Amino acid sequence: MLTWIACAGAVICLLYYGAIVVYAGFSVSFSWFWLMAAAFFGLVAWESRYGHLHDRRLPLWISVPVATVFATAAVIFCVVGVLVFLGAAASDTPGLDYVIVLGAKVQPQGISNSLRKRLDRAVEYSRENPGTIFILSGGQGADEPVSEAQAMYDYMVYNGVPGSRLVMEEISTSTVENLAYSKVVIDRLEQEKEAAAGREPVSLVPGPFLVVEARPIQVGVLTSSYHVFRARRIAEKWGLKNIHGISAQPDLILFPHLCVRECIAILKDQLMGNM
């Protein structure tokens, strides 16, 4: 039974790797994971079949640690996967002051499907919330014709969003930098807003006044659904309080691959202190 299950796992991983390559090419990051997974399942199938035919088994000092590591990894992936889906299920918050739109790959022939879905969601949110400012975050990779922020700006303006509501952040090259630099941009915009308000003369009638704290700014981070949990945690780490997630539909063909990659990215950022 184990032999057939492992064989099926190896075949599924190989077929999915082929689908990724056909759909998006060899440039998809971390696609080698599926080849490694296929090799692992193939090794399990071979060992199970070989041991059954020759009445041999791996020694316990090998099989027990391997099984323990595999079981531990499976549990961790399940827990992280639940967190990813809980983040994706968060409902949108209307009337945000700023929304950070996270960039994604820009191909020579145009924006990627993942980025288009994020931008379509951003355009939709902009129509429902005319007072929101959008921070378009993403630099230019070595194989990208323009910066992700510039591509996002052009797409949203083409779809009717006024350029006055769009601010580009073109330095970042990772999710951590996306949110760190976007925080700098938002702080700068708030300082400019306060400076402009300070130049306006204000006349007050003498008398007692109640001093209240200023309303904290409300910031959203818009990204693919599988990415919301990590983006919000990183944003909180970098001092963006009152942060809200806005989910965009993911690329369905790449969705399993992106979820696996996201689980590993969450573990990496947690270990590195980024979230």
C-alpha atoms as a PDB file:
ATOM      1  CA  MET A   1       0.000   0.000   0.000  1.00  0.00           C
ATOM      2  CA  LEU A   2       2.777   2.420   0.941  1.00  0.00           C
ATOM      3  CA  THR A   3       4.511   1.695  -2.359  1.00  0.00           C
ATOM      4  CA  TRP A   4       1.484   2.725  -4.385  1.00  0.00           C
ATOM      5  CA  ILE A   5       0.845   5.845  -2.298  1.00  0.00           C
ATOM      6  CA  ALA A   6       4.478   6.943  -2.686  1.00  0.00           C
ATOM      7  CA  CYS A   7       4.397   6.213  -6.438  1.00  0.00           C
ATOM      8  CA  ALA A   8       1.242   8.302  -6.776  1.00  0.00           C
ATOM      9  CA  GLY A   9       2.878  11.148  -4.837  1.00  0.00           C
ATOM     10  CA  ALA A  10       5.946  11.050  -7.086  1.00  0.00           C
ATOM     11  CA  VAL A  11       3.826  11.095 -10.252  1.00  0.00           C
ATOM     12  CA  ILE A  12       1.656  13.965  -8.979  1.00  0.00           C
ATOM     13  CA  CYS A  13       4.699  16.049  -8.059  1.00  0.00           C
ATOM     14  CA  LEU A  14       6.307  15.448 -11.469  1.00  0.00           C
ATOM     15  CA  LEU A  15       3.099  16.300 -13.329  1.00  0.00           C
ATOM     16  CA  TYR A  16       2.617  19.464 -11.308  1.00  0.00           C
ATOM     17  CA  TYR A  17       6.214  20.521 -11.936  1.00  0.00           C
ATOM     18  CA  GLY A  18       5.600  20.054 -15.647  1.00  0.00           C
ATOM     19  CA  ALA A  19       2.408  22.108 -15.426  1.00  0.00           C
ATOM     20  CA  ILE A  20       4.267  24.951 -13.691  1.00  0.00           C
ATOM     21  CA  VAL A  21       6.991  24.971 -16.339  1.00  0.00           C
ATOM     22  CA  VAL A  22       4.492  24.922 -19.232  1.00  0.00           C
ATOM     23  CA  TYR A  23       2.321  27.609 -17.641  1.00  0.00           C
ATOM     24  CA  ALA A  24       4.950  30.024 -16.312  1.00  0.00           C
ATOM     25  CA  GLY A  25       8.342  28.814 -17.555  1.00  0.00           C
ATOM     26  CA  PHE A  26      11.481  27.847 -15.678  1.00  0.00           C
ATOM     27  CA  SER A  27      11.731  31.266 -14.022  1.00  0.00           C
ATOM     28  CA  VAL A  28       9.204  30.377 -11.307  1.00  0.00           C
ATOM     29  CA  SER A  29      11.118  30.551  -8.047  1.00  0.00           C
ATOM     30  CA  PHE A  30      11.320  27.458  -5.844  1.00  0.00           C
ATOM     31  CA  SER A  31       9.844  25.204  -8.557  1.00  0.00           C
ATOM     32  CA  TRP A  32      12.644  22.715  -7.897  1.00  0.00           C
ATOM     33  CA  PHE A  33      10.791  21.784  -4.690  1.00  0.00           C
ATOM     34  CA  TRP A  34       8.445  19.573  -6.698  1.00  0.00           C
ATOM     35  CA  LEU A  35      11.342  17.685  -8.256  1.00  0.00           C
ATOM     36  CA  MET A  36      12.794  17.119  -4.799  1.00  0.00           C
ATOM     37  CA  ALA A  37       9.406  15.977  -3.512  1.00  0.00           C
ATOM     38  CA  ALA A  38       9.062  13.578  -6.458  1.00  0.00           C
ATOM     39  CA  ALA A  39      12.532  12.182  -5.722  1.00  0.00           C
ATOM     40  CA  PHE A  40      11.627  11.730  -2.052  1.00  0.00           C
ATOM     41  CA  PHE A  41       8.406   9.863  -2.844  1.00  0.00           C
ATOM     42  CA  GLY A  42      10.250   7.787  -5.430  1.00  0.00           C
ATOM     43  CA  LEU A  43      12.871   6.824  -2.864  1.00  0.00           C
ATOM     44  CA  VAL A  44      10.160   5.839  -0.382  1.00  0.00           C
ATOM     45  CA  ALA A  45       8.427   3.743  -3.039  1.00  0.00           C
ATOM     46  CA  TRP A  46      11.680   2.039  -4.030  1.00  0.00           C
ATOM     47  CA  GLU A  47      12.656   1.266  -0.442  1.00  0.00           C
ATOM     48  CA  SER A  48       9.185  -0.058   0.356  1.00  0.00           C
ATOM     49  CA  ARG A  49       9.120  -2.263  -2.737  1.00  0.00           C
ATOM     50  CA  TYR A  50      12.721  -3.437  -2.360  1.00  0.00           C
ATOM     51  CA  GLY A  51      12.223  -4.235   1.307  1.00  0.00           C
ATOM     52  CA  HIS A  52       9.041  -6.168   0.573  1.00  0.00           C
ATOM     53  CA  LEU A  53      10.661  -8.274  -2.159  1.00  0.00           C
ATOM     54  CA  HIS A  54      13.899  -8.997  -0.296  1.00  0.00           C
ATOM     55  CA  ASP A  55      12.529  -8.971   3.240  1.00  0.00           C
ATOM     56  CA  ARG A  56      14.891  -6.169   4.179  1.00  0.00           C
ATOM     57  CA  ARG A  57      14.235  -2.927   5.990  1.00  0.00           C
ATOM     58  CA  LEU A  58      16.269   0.152   6.751  1.00  0.00           C
ATOM     59  CA  PRO A  59      17.884   0.013  10.202  1.00  0.00           C
ATOM     60  CA  LEU A  60      15.975   1.774  12.957  1.00  0.00           C
ATOM     61  CA  TRP A  61      18.744   4.342  13.465  1.00  0.00           C
ATOM     62  CA  ILE A  62      17.966   5.606   9.943  1.00  0.00           C
ATOM     63  CA  SER A  63      14.220   5.049   9.605  1.00  0.00           C
ATOM     64  CA  VAL A  64      13.196   6.517  12.978  1.00  0.00           C
ATOM     65  CA  PRO A  65      14.985   9.907  12.597  1.00  0.00           C
ATOM     66  CA  VAL A  66      13.775  10.218   8.977  1.00  0.00           C
ATOM     67  CA  ALA A  67      10.186   9.444   9.968  1.00  0.00           C
ATOM     68  CA  THR A  68      10.399  11.880  12.902  1.00  0.00           C
ATOM     69  CA  VAL A  69      11.712  14.712  10.730  1.00  0.00           C
ATOM     70  CA  PHE A  70       9.078  14.060   8.075  1.00  0.00           C
ATOM     71  CA  ALA A  71       6.239  13.951  10.637  1.00  0.00           C
ATOM     72  CA  THR A  72       7.471  17.129  12.343  1.00  0.00           C
ATOM     73  CA  ALA A  73       7.715  18.946   9.014  1.00  0.00           C
ATOM     74  CA  ALA A  74       4.201  17.802   8.084  1.00  0.00           C
ATOM     75  CA  VAL A  75       2.763  19.116  11.371  1.00  0.00           C
ATOM     76  CA  ILE A  76       4.566  22.453  11.009  1.00  0.00           C
ATOM     77  CA  PHE A  77       3.327  22.850   7.440  1.00  0.00           C
ATOM     78  CA  CYS A  78      -0.231  22.083   8.528  1.00  0.00           C
ATOM     79  CA  VAL A  79      -0.132  24.669  11.331  1.00  0.00           C
ATOM     80  CA  VAL A  80       1.410  27.339   9.113  1.00  0.00           C
ATOM     81  CA  GLY A  81      -1.061  26.464   6.360  1.00  0.00           C
ATOM     82  CA  VAL A  82      -3.958  27.110   8.737  1.00  0.00           C
ATOM     83  CA  LEU A  83      -2.490  30.523   9.619  1.00  0.00           C
ATOM     84  CA  VAL A  84      -2.154  31.346   5.915  1.00  0.00           C
ATOM     85  CA  PHE A  85      -5.796  30.502   5.228  1.00  0.00           C
ATOM     86  CA  LEU A  86      -7.009  32.402   8.302  1.00  0.00           C
ATOM     87  CA  GLY A  87      -5.159  35.476   7.059  1.00  0.00           C
ATOM     88  CA  ALA A  88      -6.709  35.081   3.618  1.00  0.00           C
ATOM     89  CA  ALA A  89     -10.195  34.876   5.116  1.00  0.00           C
ATOM     90  CA  ALA A  90      -9.999  38.303   6.788  1.00  0.00           C
ATOM     91  CA  SER A  91     -12.789  40.642   5.671  1.00  0.00           C
ATOM     92  CA  ASP A  92     -11.934  43.939   3.984  1.00  0.00           C
ATOM     93  CA  THR A  93     -12.020  47.155   6.029  1.00  0.00           C
ATOM     94  CA  PRO A  94     -13.538  50.177   4.235  1.00  0.00           C
ATOM     95  CA  GLY A  95     -12.301  53.764   4.442  1.00  0.00           C
ATOM     96  CA  LEU A  96      -8.597  53.107   5.010  1.00  0.00           C
ATOM     97  CA  ASP A  97      -6.239  56.086   4.813  1.00  0.00           C
ATOM     98  CA  TYR A  98      -3.566  54.170   2.912  1.00  0.00           C
ATOM     99  CA  VAL A  99      -3.395  50.834   1.131  1.00  0.00           C
ATOM    100  CA  ILE A 100      -0.010  49.293   0.370  1.00  0.00           C
ATOM    101  CA  VAL A 101      -0.211  47.223  -2.815  1.00  0.00           C
ATOM    102  CA  LEU A 102       2.594  44.665  -2.905  1.00  0.00           C
ATOM    103  CA  GLY A 103       4.284  44.118  -6.238  1.00  0.00           C
ATOM    104  CA  ALA A 104       4.832  40.890  -8.132  1.00  0.00           C
ATOM    105  CA  LYS A 105       6.710  39.781 -11.222  1.00  0.00           C
ATOM    106  CA  VAL A 106       6.649  41.995 -14.329  1.00  0.00           C
ATOM    107  CA  GLN A 107       7.332  39.981 -17.472  1.00  0.00           C
ATOM    108  CA  PRO A 108       8.845  41.470 -20.651  1.00  0.00           C
ATOM    109  CA  GLN A 109       5.448  40.949 -22.310  1.00  0.00           C
ATOM    110  CA  GLY A 110       3.524  42.558 -19.447  1.00  0.00           C
ATOM    111  CA  ILE A 111       2.457  42.112 -15.833  1.00  0.00           C
ATOM    112  CA  SER A 112       2.069  38.632 -14.401  1.00  0.00           C
ATOM    113  CA  ASN A 113      -1.333  37.109 -13.698  1.00  0.00           C
ATOM    114  CA  SER A 114      -0.757  37.369  -9.937  1.00  0.00           C
ATOM    115  CA  LEU A 115       0.020  41.079 -10.154  1.00  0.00           C
ATOM    116  CA  ARG A 116      -2.971  41.725 -12.419  1.00  0.00           C
ATOM    117  CA  LYS A 117      -5.314  40.148  -9.874  1.00  0.00           C
ATOM    118  CA  ARG A 118      -3.853  42.331  -7.110  1.00  0.00           C
ATOM    119  CA  LEU A 119      -4.273  45.449  -9.218  1.00  0.00           C
ATOM    120  CA  ASP A 120      -7.843  44.573 -10.211  1.00  0.00           C
ATOM    121  CA  ARG A 121      -8.650  44.287  -6.504  1.00  0.00           C
ATOM    122  CA  ALA A 122      -6.910  47.626  -5.863  1.00  0.00           C
ATOM    123  CA  VAL A 123      -8.930  49.312  -8.631  1.00  0.00           C
ATOM    124  CA  GLU A 124     -12.116  47.860  -7.160  1.00  0.00           C
ATOM    125  CA  TYR A 125     -11.217  49.111  -3.669  1.00  0.00           C
ATOM    126  CA  SER A 126     -10.354  52.570  -5.030  1.00  0.00           C
ATOM    127  CA  ARG A 127     -13.834  52.920  -6.544  1.00  0.00           C
ATOM    128  CA  GLU A 128     -15.479  51.934  -3.276  1.00  0.00           C
ATOM    129  CA  ASN A 129     -13.202  54.178  -1.163  1.00  0.00           C
ATOM    130  CA  PRO A 130     -12.414  57.425  -3.013  1.00  0.00           C
ATOM    131  CA  GLY A 131     -10.405  58.904  -0.115  1.00  0.00           C
ATOM    132  CA  THR A 132      -7.776  56.157   0.072  1.00  0.00           C
ATOM    133  CA  ILE A 133      -4.171  56.739  -1.067  1.00  0.00           C
ATOM    134  CA  PHE A 134      -2.377  53.755  -2.615  1.00  0.00           C
ATOM    135  CA  ILE A 135       1.308  53.031  -2.033  1.00  0.00           C
ATOM    136  CA  LEU A 136       2.510  50.956  -5.000  1.00  0.00           C
ATOM    137  CA  SER A 137       5.504  49.012  -3.716  1.00  0.00           C
ATOM    138  CA  GLY A 138       8.034  47.138  -5.828  1.00  0.00           C
ATOM    139  CA  GLY A 139      11.445  47.752  -7.353  1.00  0.00           C
ATOM    140  CA  GLN A 140      12.876  46.586 -10.668  1.00  0.00           C
ATOM    141  CA  GLY A 141      14.466  43.152 -10.879  1.00  0.00           C
ATOM    142  CA  ALA A 142      17.324  42.331 -13.223  1.00  0.00           C
ATOM    143  CA  ASP A 143      14.942  40.593 -15.648  1.00  0.00           C
ATOM    144  CA  GLU A 144      12.089  43.093 -15.393  1.00  0.00           C
ATOM    145  CA  PRO A 145      11.615  45.797 -18.081  1.00  0.00           C
ATOM    146  CA  VAL A 146      10.334  48.409 -15.580  1.00  0.00           C
ATOM    147  CA  SER A 147       9.889  48.636 -11.846  1.00  0.00           C
ATOM    148  CA  GLU A 148       6.883  46.819 -10.422  1.00  0.00           C
ATOM    149  CA  ALA A 149       5.664  50.120  -8.950  1.00  0.00           C
ATOM    150  CA  GLN A 150       5.752  51.797 -12.377  1.00  0.00           C
ATOM    151  CA  ALA A 151       3.875  48.905 -13.984  1.00  0.00           C
ATOM    152  CA  MET A 152       1.267  49.074 -11.223  1.00  0.00           C
ATOM    153  CA  TYR A 153       0.930  52.837 -11.610  1.00  0.00           C
ATOM    154  CA  ASP A 154       0.384  52.583 -15.369  1.00  0.00           C
ATOM    155  CA  TYR A 155      -2.201  49.813 -14.962  1.00  0.00           C
ATOM    156  CA  MET A 156      -4.240  51.619 -12.316  1.00  0.00           C
ATOM    157  CA  VAL A 157      -4.193  54.952 -14.156  1.00  0.00           C
ATOM    158  CA  TYR A 158      -5.281  53.146 -17.342  1.00  0.00           C
ATOM    159  CA  ASN A 159      -8.196  51.695 -15.361  1.00  0.00           C
ATOM    160  CA  GLY A 160      -9.382  55.074 -14.148  1.00  0.00           C
ATOM    161  CA  VAL A 161      -7.627  55.655 -10.815  1.00  0.00           C
ATOM    162  CA  PRO A 162      -6.348  59.270 -10.593  1.00  0.00           C
ATOM    163  CA  GLY A 163      -2.568  59.570 -10.453  1.00  0.00           C
ATOM    164  CA  SER A 164      -2.928  61.944  -7.501  1.00  0.00           C
ATOM    165  CA  ARG A 165      -4.033  58.967  -5.369  1.00  0.00           C
ATOM    166  CA  LEU A 166      -1.027  56.826  -6.294  1.00  0.00           C
ATOM    167  CA  VAL A 167       2.449  56.967  -4.754  1.00  0.00           C
ATOM    168  CA  MET A 168       5.261  54.784  -6.082  1.00  0.00           C
ATOM    169  CA  GLU A 169       7.876  53.078  -3.918  1.00  0.00           C
ATOM    170  CA  GLU A 170      10.513  51.741  -6.341  1.00  0.00           C
ATOM    171  CA  ILE A 171      13.365  50.588  -4.076  1.00  0.00           C
ATOM    172  CA  SER A 172      12.159  47.372  -2.440  1.00  0.00           C
ATOM    173  CA  THR A 173      13.090  43.883  -3.612  1.00  0.00           C
ATOM    174  CA  SER A 174      11.358  41.715  -0.980  1.00  0.00           C
ATOM    175  CA  THR A 175       8.222  41.646   1.163  1.00  0.00           C
ATOM    176  CA  VAL A 176      10.156  42.954   4.161  1.00  0.00           C
ATOM    177  CA  GLU A 177      11.522  45.874   2.135  1.00  0.00           C
ATOM    178  CA  ASN A 178       8.096  46.475   0.562  1.00  0.00           C
ATOM    179  CA  LEU A 179       6.600  47.167   3.963  1.00  0.00           C
ATOM    180  CA  ALA A 180       9.614  48.872   5.540  1.00  0.00           C
ATOM    181  CA  TYR A 181       9.983  51.396   2.715  1.00  0.00           C
ATOM    182  CA  SER A 182       6.218  51.866   2.441  1.00  0.00           C
ATOM    183  CA  LYS A 183       6.193  52.784   6.137  1.00  0.00           C
ATOM    184  CA  VAL A 184       8.800  55.470   5.362  1.00  0.00           C
ATOM    185  CA  VAL A 185       6.638  56.791   2.514  1.00  0.00           C
ATOM    186  CA  ILE A 186       3.519  56.924   4.700  1.00  0.00           C
ATOM    187  CA  ASP A 187       5.404  58.720   7.480  1.00  0.00           C
ATOM    188  CA  ARG A 188       6.665  61.281   4.965  1.00  0.00           C
ATOM    189  CA  LEU A 189       3.162  61.865   3.583  1.00  0.00           C
ATOM    190  CA  GLU A 190       1.779  62.319   7.090  1.00  0.00           C
ATOM    191  CA  GLN A 191       4.529  64.827   7.934  1.00  0.00           C
ATOM    192  CA  GLU A 192       3.765  66.795   4.782  1.00  0.00           C
ATOM    193  CA  LYS A 193       0.088  66.743   5.669  1.00  0.00           C
ATOM    194  CA  GLU A 194       0.804  68.063   9.181  1.00  0.00           C
ATOM    195  CA  ALA A 195       3.129  70.753   7.839  1.00  0.00           C
ATOM    196  CA  ALA A 196       0.477  71.908   5.372  1.00  0.00           C
ATOM    197  CA  ALA A 197      -2.142  72.018   8.123  1.00  0.00           C
ATOM    198  CA  GLY A 198       0.229  74.027  10.345  1.00  0.00           C
ATOM    199  CA  ARG A 199       0.467  76.868   7.803  1.00  0.00           C
ATOM    200  CA  GLU A 200      -3.248  77.501   7.907  1.00  0.00           C
ATOM    201  CA  PRO A 201      -4.296  80.222  10.401  1.00  0.00           C
ATOM    202  CA  VAL A 202      -6.670  78.987  13.081  1.00  0.00           C
ATOM    203  CA  SER A 203      -8.769  81.357  15.193  1.00  0.00           C
ATOM    204  CA  LEU A 204     -10.085  80.123  18.527  1.00  0.00           C
ATOM    205  CA  VAL A 205     -12.397  81.855  20.950  1.00  0.00           C
ATOM    206  CA  PRO A 206     -10.806  81.942  24.442  1.00  0.00           C
ATOM    207  CA  GLY A 207     -12.237  79.339  26.767  1.00  0.00           C
ATOM    208  CA  PRO A 208     -11.773  75.776  28.020  1.00  0.00           C
ATOM    209  CA  PHE A 209     -10.946  73.151  25.416  1.00  0.00           C
ATOM    210  CA  LEU A 210     -10.791  69.375  25.526  1.00  0.00           C
ATOM    211  CA  VAL A 211      -7.576  68.014  24.003  1.00  0.00           C
ATOM    212  CA  VAL A 212      -8.012  64.618  22.352  1.00  0.00           C
ATOM    213  CA  GLU A 213      -5.485  62.367  20.671  1.00  0.00           C
ATOM    214  CA  ALA A 214      -5.331  62.415  16.896  1.00  0.00           C
ATOM    215  CA  ARG A 215      -7.071  59.544  15.138  1.00  0.00           C
ATOM    216  CA  PRO A 216      -4.491  56.890  14.279  1.00  0.00           C
ATOM    217  CA  ILE A 217      -4.062  56.323  10.582  1.00  0.00           C
ATOM    218  CA  GLN A 218      -5.597  53.159   9.185  1.00  0.00           C
ATOM    219  CA  VAL A 219      -3.392  51.240   6.756  1.00  0.00           C
ATOM    220  CA  GLY A 220      -4.186  48.206   4.633  1.00  0.00           C
ATOM    221  CA  VAL A 221      -1.883  45.802   2.838  1.00  0.00           C
ATOM    222  CA  LEU A 222      -3.243  44.379  -0.391  1.00  0.00           C
ATOM    223  CA  THR A 223      -1.713  41.200  -1.736  1.00  0.00           C
ATOM    224  CA  SER A 224      -2.609  37.694  -2.876  1.00  0.00           C
ATOM    225  CA  SER A 225      -4.722  35.785  -0.349  1.00  0.00           C
ATOM    226  CA  TYR A 226      -2.000  33.294   0.607  1.00  0.00           C
ATOM    227  CA  HIS A 227       0.374  36.199   1.349  1.00  0.00           C
ATOM    228  CA  VAL A 228      -1.838  38.289   3.667  1.00  0.00           C
ATOM    229  CA  PHE A 229      -0.865  36.661   6.969  1.00  0.00           C
ATOM    230  CA  ARG A 230       2.890  37.124   6.507  1.00  0.00           C
ATOM    231  CA  ALA A 231       2.502  40.644   5.092  1.00  0.00           C
ATOM    232  CA  ARG A 232       0.448  41.789   8.086  1.00  0.00           C
ATOM    233  CA  ARG A 233       2.874  40.286  10.594  1.00  0.00           C
ATOM    234  CA  ILE A 234       5.864  41.935   8.902  1.00  0.00           C
ATOM    235  CA  ALA A 235       4.012  45.261   8.752  1.00  0.00           C
ATOM    236  CA  GLU A 236       3.319  45.099  12.492  1.00  0.00           C
ATOM    237  CA  LYS A 237       6.979  44.306  13.114  1.00  0.00           C
ATOM    238  CA  TRP A 238       7.966  47.476  11.242  1.00  0.00           C
ATOM    239  CA  GLY A 239       5.652  49.692  13.281  1.00  0.00           C
ATOM    240  CA  LEU A 240       2.558  49.873  11.096  1.00  0.00           C
ATOM    241  CA  LYS A 241      -0.198  49.804  13.685  1.00  0.00           C
ATOM    242  CA  ASN A 242      -3.863  49.290  12.843  1.00  0.00           C
ATOM    243  CA  ILE A 243      -2.863  47.235   9.798  1.00  0.00           C
ATOM    244  CA  HIS A 244      -5.609  45.493   7.814  1.00  0.00           C
ATOM    245  CA  GLY A 245      -5.362  42.788   5.169  1.00  0.00           C
ATOM    246  CA  ILE A 246      -7.024  42.970   1.763  1.00  0.00           C
ATOM    247  CA  SER A 247      -7.018  39.715  -0.193  1.00  0.00           C
ATOM    248  CA  ALA A 248      -6.726  39.371  -3.954  1.00  0.00           C
ATOM    249  CA  GLN A 249      -7.558  36.144  -5.734  1.00  0.00           C
ATOM    250  CA  PRO A 250      -4.434  34.047  -6.379  1.00  0.00           C
ATOM    251  CA  ASP A 251      -3.351  32.419  -9.625  1.00  0.00           C
ATOM    252  CA  LEU A 252      -5.219  29.105  -9.384  1.00  0.00           C
ATOM    253  CA  ILE A 253      -2.657  27.053 -11.320  1.00  0.00           C
ATOM    254  CA  LEU A 254       0.253  28.260  -9.191  1.00  0.00           C
ATOM    255  CA  PHE A 255      -1.765  28.329  -5.952  1.00  0.00           C
ATOM    256  CA  PRO A 256      -0.485  25.005  -4.479  1.00  0.00           C
ATOM    257  CA  HIS A 257       3.097  25.958  -5.307  1.00  0.00           C
ATOM    258  CA  LEU A 258       2.718  29.441  -3.847  1.00  0.00           C
ATOM    259  CA  CYS A 259       1.184  28.097  -0.634  1.00  0.00           C
ATOM    260  CA  VAL A 260       4.126  25.732  -0.103  1.00  0.00           C
ATOM    261  CA  ARG A 261       6.592  28.518  -0.830  1.00  0.00           C
ATOM    262  CA  GLU A 262       4.721  30.841   1.522  1.00  0.00           C
ATOM    263  CA  CYS A 263       4.865  28.335   4.387  1.00  0.00           C
ATOM    264  CA  ILE A 264       8.636  28.139   4.009  1.00  0.00           C
ATOM    265  CA  ALA A 265       8.897  31.944   3.761  1.00  0.00           C
ATOM    266  CA  ILE A 266       6.906  32.324   6.994  1.00  0.00           C
ATOM    267  CA  LEU A 267       9.249  29.958   8.827  1.00  0.00           C
ATOM    268  CA  LYS A 268      12.288  31.786   7.419  1.00  0.00           C
ATOM    269  CA  ASP A 269      11.013  35.259   8.366  1.00  0.00           C
ATOM    270  CA  GLN A 270      10.075  34.035  11.836  1.00  0.00           C
ATOM    271  CA  LEU A 271      13.543  32.639  12.412  1.00  0.00           C
ATOM    272  CA  MET A 272      15.194  35.799  11.057  1.00  0.00           C
ATOM    273  CA  GLY A 273      13.080  38.061  13.269  1.00  0.00           C
ATOM    274  CA  ASN A 274      11.268  39.749  10.395  1.00  0.00           C
ATOM    275  CA  MET A 275       7.838  39.022  11.873  1.00  0.00           C
END
